[in-house]
Protein backbone atom coordinates (compact mmCIF):
# COMPACT_ATOMS: atom_id res chain seq x y z
CA MET A 1 -51.33 150.20 130.29
CA ILE A 2 -48.37 149.58 127.86
CA PRO A 3 -49.49 149.88 124.37
CA SER A 4 -49.34 146.84 121.89
CA ASP A 5 -46.52 146.36 119.64
CA ASP A 6 -48.50 147.24 116.71
CA ASP A 7 -49.29 150.54 118.28
CA ILE A 8 -45.58 151.02 119.09
CA LYS A 9 -44.59 150.34 115.37
CA ALA A 10 -47.21 152.50 113.95
CA ALA A 11 -46.11 155.41 116.23
CA VAL A 12 -42.35 155.02 115.27
CA THR A 13 -43.31 154.92 111.83
CA ALA A 14 -45.32 157.88 112.08
CA ALA A 15 -42.62 159.60 114.01
CA LEU A 16 -39.98 158.75 111.23
CA SER A 17 -42.56 159.85 108.49
CA HIS A 18 -43.17 162.99 110.31
CA ARG A 19 -39.25 163.99 109.78
CA GLN A 20 -39.29 162.47 106.55
CA ALA A 21 -36.92 159.93 107.45
CA ALA A 22 -36.45 156.17 107.37
CA ALA A 23 -34.83 153.53 109.71
CA GLY A 24 -33.60 150.00 108.26
CA SER A 25 -35.24 146.81 109.81
CA PRO A 26 -32.45 146.38 112.58
CA GLU A 27 -32.56 149.98 113.36
CA PHE A 28 -36.62 150.14 113.55
CA ASP A 29 -36.72 147.21 115.55
CA THR A 30 -34.11 148.56 117.98
CA LEU A 31 -36.14 151.83 118.05
CA VAL A 32 -39.35 150.00 118.82
CA GLN A 33 -37.85 147.89 121.45
CA PHE A 34 -36.58 151.34 123.25
CA VAL A 35 -39.87 152.95 122.99
CA ARG A 36 -41.45 149.77 124.58
CA GLY A 37 -38.78 149.83 127.47
CA ARG A 38 -39.65 153.54 127.94
CA MET A 39 -43.21 152.94 128.21
CA ARG A 40 -42.79 149.98 130.47
CA MET A 41 -40.54 151.94 132.78
CA ALA A 42 -43.04 154.82 132.77
CA ILE A 43 -40.35 157.34 132.98
CA ASP A 44 -42.98 160.06 132.09
CA SER A 45 -46.72 160.41 131.46
CA LEU A 46 -46.21 161.55 127.96
CA PRO A 47 -48.47 159.86 125.12
CA LEU A 48 -46.97 157.10 123.02
CA ASP A 49 -46.77 159.29 119.80
CA GLN A 50 -44.77 161.89 121.88
CA VAL A 51 -42.28 159.43 123.28
CA ALA A 52 -42.04 157.70 119.65
CA GLN A 53 -41.52 161.23 118.31
CA LYS A 54 -38.61 162.24 121.04
CA VAL A 55 -36.96 158.88 120.66
CA THR A 56 -36.91 159.38 116.93
CA ASP A 57 -35.61 162.81 116.91
CA LEU A 58 -32.75 161.60 119.44
CA PHE A 59 -31.88 158.88 116.91
CA LEU A 60 -32.04 161.04 114.00
CA GLU A 61 -29.91 163.69 115.68
CA GLY A 62 -27.41 161.04 116.74
CA HIS A 63 -27.47 159.53 113.18
CA ARG A 64 -26.74 162.92 111.55
CA ASP A 65 -23.88 163.46 114.03
CA MET A 66 -23.08 167.17 113.31
CA PRO A 67 -20.64 168.01 114.53
CA PRO A 68 -19.14 164.44 114.70
CA GLU A 69 -18.97 162.66 118.08
CA GLY A 70 -15.37 161.54 118.54
CA HIS A 71 -16.42 159.13 121.23
CA ARG A 72 -18.50 156.68 119.13
CA PRO A 73 -15.98 153.80 119.86
CA GLN A 74 -16.05 154.47 123.78
CA LEU A 75 -19.75 154.46 123.42
CA ARG A 76 -20.13 151.13 121.57
CA ALA A 77 -17.82 149.65 124.19
CA LEU A 78 -20.22 151.35 126.78
CA VAL A 79 -23.15 149.65 125.26
CA ARG A 80 -21.49 146.15 125.11
CA SER A 81 -20.19 146.58 128.70
CA ALA A 82 -23.66 147.60 130.06
CA CYS A 83 -25.25 144.68 128.49
CA THR A 84 -22.79 142.16 130.10
CA THR A 85 -22.87 143.77 133.46
CA VAL A 86 -26.41 142.96 133.74
CA GLY A 87 -26.15 139.53 132.16
CA ALA A 88 -27.84 140.44 128.81
CA PRO A 89 -26.73 139.18 125.50
CA VAL A 90 -25.02 141.97 123.51
CA PRO A 91 -27.35 143.02 120.79
CA PRO A 92 -26.17 142.73 117.07
CA ASP A 93 -23.86 145.59 115.64
CA ALA A 94 -26.67 147.40 114.01
CA ALA A 95 -28.80 147.44 117.49
CA VAL A 96 -25.38 148.83 119.05
CA GLU A 97 -25.04 151.50 116.53
CA THR A 98 -28.75 152.57 116.93
CA LEU A 99 -28.19 152.78 120.64
CA VAL A 100 -25.14 154.91 120.07
CA ASN A 101 -27.04 157.23 118.05
CA LEU A 102 -29.70 157.47 120.74
CA ALA A 103 -26.73 158.61 123.32
CA VAL A 104 -25.23 160.66 120.97
CA GLY A 105 -28.88 162.46 120.26
CA TRP A 106 -29.26 162.38 123.93
CA MET A 107 -25.99 164.29 124.74
CA ALA A 108 -26.64 166.84 121.92
CA ASP A 109 -30.32 167.41 122.94
CA GLN A 110 -30.00 170.41 125.44
CA SER A 111 -33.70 170.06 126.58
CA LEU A 112 -32.64 166.71 128.42
CA PRO A 113 -30.95 166.81 131.72
CA THR A 114 -27.20 166.11 131.51
CA LEU A 115 -26.76 163.13 134.00
CA PRO A 116 -23.66 162.94 136.37
CA GLY A 117 -21.15 160.40 135.03
CA GLY A 118 -21.64 161.79 131.52
CA ARG A 119 -21.32 159.33 128.65
CA ALA A 120 -21.21 156.40 130.96
CA VAL A 121 -24.51 157.04 132.69
CA VAL A 122 -26.32 158.16 129.44
CA THR A 123 -25.06 154.98 127.47
CA HIS A 124 -26.09 152.71 130.82
CA ASN A 125 -29.56 154.45 130.97
CA ILE A 126 -30.30 153.97 127.12
CA VAL A 127 -29.25 150.48 127.46
CA GLY A 128 -31.51 149.82 130.54
CA LEU A 129 -34.53 151.03 128.75
CA TYR A 130 -33.61 149.09 125.31
CA LEU A 131 -33.50 145.84 127.65
CA ALA A 132 -36.77 146.67 129.45
CA GLY A 133 -38.45 146.70 126.08
CA ALA A 134 -37.25 142.99 125.45
């Protein structure tokens, strides 16, 4: 069963709080939609709080961006392209930037598999999960 929106929002809020971090409204909404999409796609059997924490950690790692990811413009273009490829509207700039931060965090996280196709595949997967949460 997919958790309610209130449960997802509470889990993302708790995950941010656990890292003593905050996200603006557009970023928070994007994280909630991404977590919802991940839960809908049932990628893993992790509980909501663990999924929210992992997603939040990826976002914060990408936001921290140390060392700087020089491919951010390319990633922004890939996010927009992935949306138009599937006929979805391109999200607002703040949501695009949040998805880019998730992609940068994913690529920096050595515990996640490196997908064949690199940045393009990671970005398309992240957009797919985001759209699944709509």
